[in-house]
Amino acid sequence: MSYPFAPRSNHNLRPGQFWAIPLRNGRFAAGRVMAVPAFGPKDRVGLVVGLMDWSGDREPTDADLAGRGVLAQANSRFEAISKTGGQVLGHRPLDVDGLVPIDPMDFSVGSVQSVWGWQTIVNRAEGSFGG
């Protein structure tokens, strides 16, 4: 796969891919693809997104995300990438950092599924890193 690319569906999205989330203060946060698909086996737009515990003065790299945790995860749509940071910048396997995605198909008693609109990850990033 060639990076960067702007997704137009969830077709080329894979767990571990990451993107930059520009913040109003000129810094960046990072989003991560945690699981695909999010809304059933025939879903072409959904994914599980994660807001990484990272911010920096430039777009994130694989090395920047090494050992970083995920602050929050939720089911969302590919627009959480294409309308925020715009492009998938690279890939870092989730398991090398011990990250575990939520199961978007867990409908067991007591399970809770969060669903975010595309802007929610930006709002959460601003709340965590926007200063």
C-alpha atoms as a PDB file:
ATOM      1  CA  MET A   1       0.000   0.000   0.000  1.00  0.00           C
ATOM      2  CA  SER A   2       1.245   3.463  -0.851  1.00  0.00           C
ATOM      3  CA  TYR A   3       1.050   6.291   1.694  1.00  0.00           C
ATOM      4  CA  PRO A   4      -0.327   8.892   2.050  1.00  0.00           C
ATOM      5  CA  PHE A   5      -3.793   8.351   0.612  1.00  0.00           C
ATOM      6  CA  ALA A   6      -7.226   9.896   1.137  1.00  0.00           C
ATOM      7  CA  PRO A   7      -9.897   7.244   1.762  1.00  0.00           C
ATOM      8  CA  ARG A   8     -13.186   7.359  -0.150  1.00  0.00           C
ATOM      9  CA  SER A   9     -14.608   4.325   1.651  1.00  0.00           C
ATOM     10  CA  ASN A  10     -13.314   1.820   4.182  1.00  0.00           C
ATOM     11  CA  HIS A  11     -12.064  -0.490   1.398  1.00  0.00           C
ATOM     12  CA  ASN A  12      -8.329   0.277   1.812  1.00  0.00           C
ATOM     13  CA  LEU A  13      -8.404   0.889   5.546  1.00  0.00           C
ATOM     14  CA  ARG A  14      -6.580  -1.553   7.808  1.00  0.00           C
ATOM     15  CA  PRO A  15      -6.183  -1.726  11.592  1.00  0.00           C
ATOM     16  CA  GLY A  16      -3.082   0.187  12.644  1.00  0.00           C
ATOM     17  CA  GLN A  17      -3.177   2.895   9.981  1.00  0.00           C
ATOM     18  CA  PHE A  18      -2.930   6.433  11.351  1.00  0.00           C
ATOM     19  CA  TRP A  19      -3.648  10.023  10.368  1.00  0.00           C
ATOM     20  CA  ALA A  20      -3.039  13.552  11.640  1.00  0.00           C
ATOM     21  CA  ILE A  21      -5.765  15.588  13.282  1.00  0.00           C
ATOM     22  CA  PRO A  22      -4.918  19.302  12.955  1.00  0.00           C
ATOM     23  CA  LEU A  23      -5.711  21.305  16.084  1.00  0.00           C
ATOM     24  CA  ARG A  24      -6.671  24.984  16.293  1.00  0.00           C
ATOM     25  CA  ASN A  25      -3.453  25.783  18.182  1.00  0.00           C
ATOM     26  CA  GLY A  26      -1.339  24.671  15.191  1.00  0.00           C
ATOM     27  CA  ARG A  27      -0.372  21.335  16.735  1.00  0.00           C
ATOM     28  CA  PHE A  28      -1.531  17.861  15.735  1.00  0.00           C
ATOM     29  CA  ALA A  29      -3.210  14.901  17.399  1.00  0.00           C
ATOM     30  CA  ALA A  30      -3.337  11.412  15.893  1.00  0.00           C
ATOM     31  CA  GLY A  31      -6.162   9.090  14.942  1.00  0.00           C
ATOM     32  CA  ARG A  32      -5.777   5.361  14.431  1.00  0.00           C
ATOM     33  CA  VAL A  33      -7.801   2.790  12.516  1.00  0.00           C
ATOM     34  CA  MET A  34      -8.662   0.211  15.172  1.00  0.00           C
ATOM     35  CA  ALA A  35     -10.992  -2.151  13.258  1.00  0.00           C
ATOM     36  CA  VAL A  36     -12.777  -2.428   9.912  1.00  0.00           C
ATOM     37  CA  PRO A  37     -15.723  -2.677   9.237  1.00  0.00           C
ATOM     38  CA  ALA A  38     -17.777  -1.168  12.041  1.00  0.00           C
ATOM     39  CA  PHE A  39     -21.390  -1.630  10.995  1.00  0.00           C
ATOM     40  CA  GLY A  40     -21.635  -5.208   9.732  1.00  0.00           C
ATOM     41  CA  PRO A  41     -19.884  -7.431   7.201  1.00  0.00           C
ATOM     42  CA  LYS A  42     -21.188  -5.569   4.114  1.00  0.00           C
ATOM     43  CA  ASP A  43     -20.382  -2.129   5.534  1.00  0.00           C
ATOM     44  CA  ARG A  44     -18.377   0.014   3.070  1.00  0.00           C
ATOM     45  CA  VAL A  45     -18.017   3.204   5.139  1.00  0.00           C
ATOM     46  CA  GLY A  46     -17.564   2.278   8.795  1.00  0.00           C
ATOM     47  CA  LEU A  47     -14.500   1.704  10.932  1.00  0.00           C
ATOM     48  CA  VAL A  48     -13.531   1.827  14.575  1.00  0.00           C
ATOM     49  CA  VAL A  49     -11.427   4.946  15.188  1.00  0.00           C
ATOM     50  CA  GLY A  50      -9.113   5.583  18.106  1.00  0.00           C
ATOM     51  CA  LEU A  51      -7.799   8.874  19.435  1.00  0.00           C
ATOM     52  CA  MET A  52      -4.148   8.306  20.315  1.00  0.00           C
ATOM     53  CA  ASP A  53      -2.482   9.600  23.473  1.00  0.00           C
ATOM     54  CA  TRP A  54      -0.123  11.785  21.432  1.00  0.00           C
ATOM     55  CA  SER A  55       0.193  15.340  20.200  1.00  0.00           C
ATOM     56  CA  GLY A  56       3.043  17.135  18.484  1.00  0.00           C
ATOM     57  CA  ASP A  57       4.188  20.080  16.405  1.00  0.00           C
ATOM     58  CA  ARG A  58       4.073  18.039  13.180  1.00  0.00           C
ATOM     59  CA  GLU A  59       2.048  15.195  11.707  1.00  0.00           C
ATOM     60  CA  PRO A  60       2.592  11.866  13.509  1.00  0.00           C
ATOM     61  CA  THR A  61       5.022   9.223  12.327  1.00  0.00           C
ATOM     62  CA  ASP A  62       5.246   5.531  13.117  1.00  0.00           C
ATOM     63  CA  ALA A  63       7.967   6.295  15.689  1.00  0.00           C
ATOM     64  CA  ASP A  64       5.860   8.993  17.370  1.00  0.00           C
ATOM     65  CA  LEU A  65       3.103   6.473  18.076  1.00  0.00           C
ATOM     66  CA  ALA A  66       5.382   3.743  19.456  1.00  0.00           C
ATOM     67  CA  GLY A  67       4.181   2.718  22.901  1.00  0.00           C
ATOM     68  CA  ARG A  68       1.303   5.222  22.941  1.00  0.00           C
ATOM     69  CA  GLY A  69      -2.114   4.245  24.215  1.00  0.00           C
ATOM     70  CA  VAL A  70      -5.585   5.027  22.917  1.00  0.00           C
ATOM     71  CA  LEU A  71      -7.613   7.607  24.848  1.00  0.00           C
ATOM     72  CA  ALA A  72     -10.989   6.623  23.357  1.00  0.00           C
ATOM     73  CA  GLN A  73     -12.461   4.439  20.608  1.00  0.00           C
ATOM     74  CA  ALA A  74     -15.780   4.431  18.792  1.00  0.00           C
ATOM     75  CA  ASN A  75     -17.508   3.293  15.639  1.00  0.00           C
ATOM     76  CA  SER A  76     -17.406   6.001  12.987  1.00  0.00           C
ATOM     77  CA  ARG A  77     -17.173   6.511   9.226  1.00  0.00           C
ATOM     78  CA  PHE A  78     -14.221   7.049   6.870  1.00  0.00           C
ATOM     79  CA  GLU A  79     -15.018  10.787   6.915  1.00  0.00           C
ATOM     80  CA  ALA A  80     -13.396  10.867  10.381  1.00  0.00           C
ATOM     81  CA  ILE A  81     -10.196  10.680   8.329  1.00  0.00           C
ATOM     82  CA  SER A  82     -11.051  12.375   5.050  1.00  0.00           C
ATOM     83  CA  LYS A  83     -12.723  15.425   6.660  1.00  0.00           C
ATOM     84  CA  THR A  84     -10.270  15.865   9.549  1.00  0.00           C
ATOM     85  CA  GLY A  85      -6.632  15.155   8.712  1.00  0.00           C
ATOM     86  CA  GLY A  86      -7.437  14.198   5.167  1.00  0.00           C
ATOM     87  CA  GLN A  87      -4.968  11.388   4.549  1.00  0.00           C
ATOM     88  CA  VAL A  88      -3.808   8.096   5.983  1.00  0.00           C
ATOM     89  CA  LEU A  89      -0.101   8.703   6.633  1.00  0.00           C
ATOM     90  CA  GLY A  90       1.145   5.222   7.422  1.00  0.00           C
ATOM     91  CA  HIS A  91       0.687   1.954   9.257  1.00  0.00           C
ATOM     92  CA  ARG A  92       1.883   0.627  12.599  1.00  0.00           C
ATOM     93  CA  PRO A  93       0.462  -2.737  13.688  1.00  0.00           C
ATOM     94  CA  LEU A  94      -1.734  -2.436  16.776  1.00  0.00           C
ATOM     95  CA  ASP A  95      -0.250  -5.468  18.492  1.00  0.00           C
ATOM     96  CA  VAL A  96       3.301  -4.041  18.639  1.00  0.00           C
ATOM     97  CA  ASP A  97       1.951  -1.440  21.069  1.00  0.00           C
ATOM     98  CA  GLY A  98      -0.417  -3.801  22.875  1.00  0.00           C
ATOM     99  CA  LEU A  99      -3.501  -2.000  21.521  1.00  0.00           C
ATOM    100  CA  VAL A 100      -6.781  -3.899  21.409  1.00  0.00           C
ATOM    101  CA  PRO A 101      -9.727  -2.593  19.388  1.00  0.00           C
ATOM    102  CA  ILE A 102     -13.246  -2.644  20.709  1.00  0.00           C
ATOM    103  CA  ASP A 103     -15.397  -5.278  19.022  1.00  0.00           C
ATOM    104  CA  PRO A 104     -17.923  -3.412  16.872  1.00  0.00           C
ATOM    105  CA  MET A 105     -20.038  -6.568  16.658  1.00  0.00           C
ATOM    106  CA  ASP A 106     -20.306  -7.112  20.421  1.00  0.00           C
ATOM    107  CA  PHE A 107     -24.011  -6.957  21.119  1.00  0.00           C
ATOM    108  CA  SER A 108     -23.895  -8.972  24.325  1.00  0.00           C
ATOM    109  CA  VAL A 109     -25.906  -7.981  27.365  1.00  0.00           C
ATOM    110  CA  GLY A 110     -24.292  -4.980  29.025  1.00  0.00           C
ATOM    111  CA  SER A 111     -22.048  -4.043  26.116  1.00  0.00           C
ATOM    112  CA  VAL A 112     -22.036  -0.419  25.036  1.00  0.00           C
ATOM    113  CA  GLN A 113     -21.294   0.717  21.482  1.00  0.00           C
ATOM    114  CA  SER A 114     -20.213   4.322  21.006  1.00  0.00           C
ATOM    115  CA  VAL A 115     -20.821   5.912  17.618  1.00  0.00           C
ATOM    116  CA  TRP A 116     -19.094   9.165  16.686  1.00  0.00           C
ATOM    117  CA  GLY A 117     -19.883  11.528  13.882  1.00  0.00           C
ATOM    118  CA  TRP A 118     -16.810  12.466  11.839  1.00  0.00           C
ATOM    119  CA  GLN A 119     -16.179  15.685  13.836  1.00  0.00           C
ATOM    120  CA  THR A 120     -16.257  13.987  17.243  1.00  0.00           C
ATOM    121  CA  ILE A 121     -12.653  12.782  17.120  1.00  0.00           C
ATOM    122  CA  VAL A 122     -11.580  16.388  16.405  1.00  0.00           C
ATOM    123  CA  ASN A 123     -13.646  17.681  19.335  1.00  0.00           C
ATOM    124  CA  ARG A 124     -12.129  15.048  21.637  1.00  0.00           C
ATOM    125  CA  ALA A 125      -8.614  15.865  20.411  1.00  0.00           C
ATOM    126  CA  GLU A 126      -9.204  19.583  21.022  1.00  0.00           C
ATOM    127  CA  GLY A 127     -10.422  18.781  24.533  1.00  0.00           C
ATOM    128  CA  SER A 128      -7.356  16.668  25.275  1.00  0.00           C
ATOM    129  CA  PHE A 129      -4.601  18.582  23.481  1.00  0.00           C
ATOM    130  CA  GLY A 130      -6.006  21.914  22.290  1.00  0.00           C
ATOM    131  CA  GLY A 131      -4.703  23.855  25.259  1.00  0.00           C
END
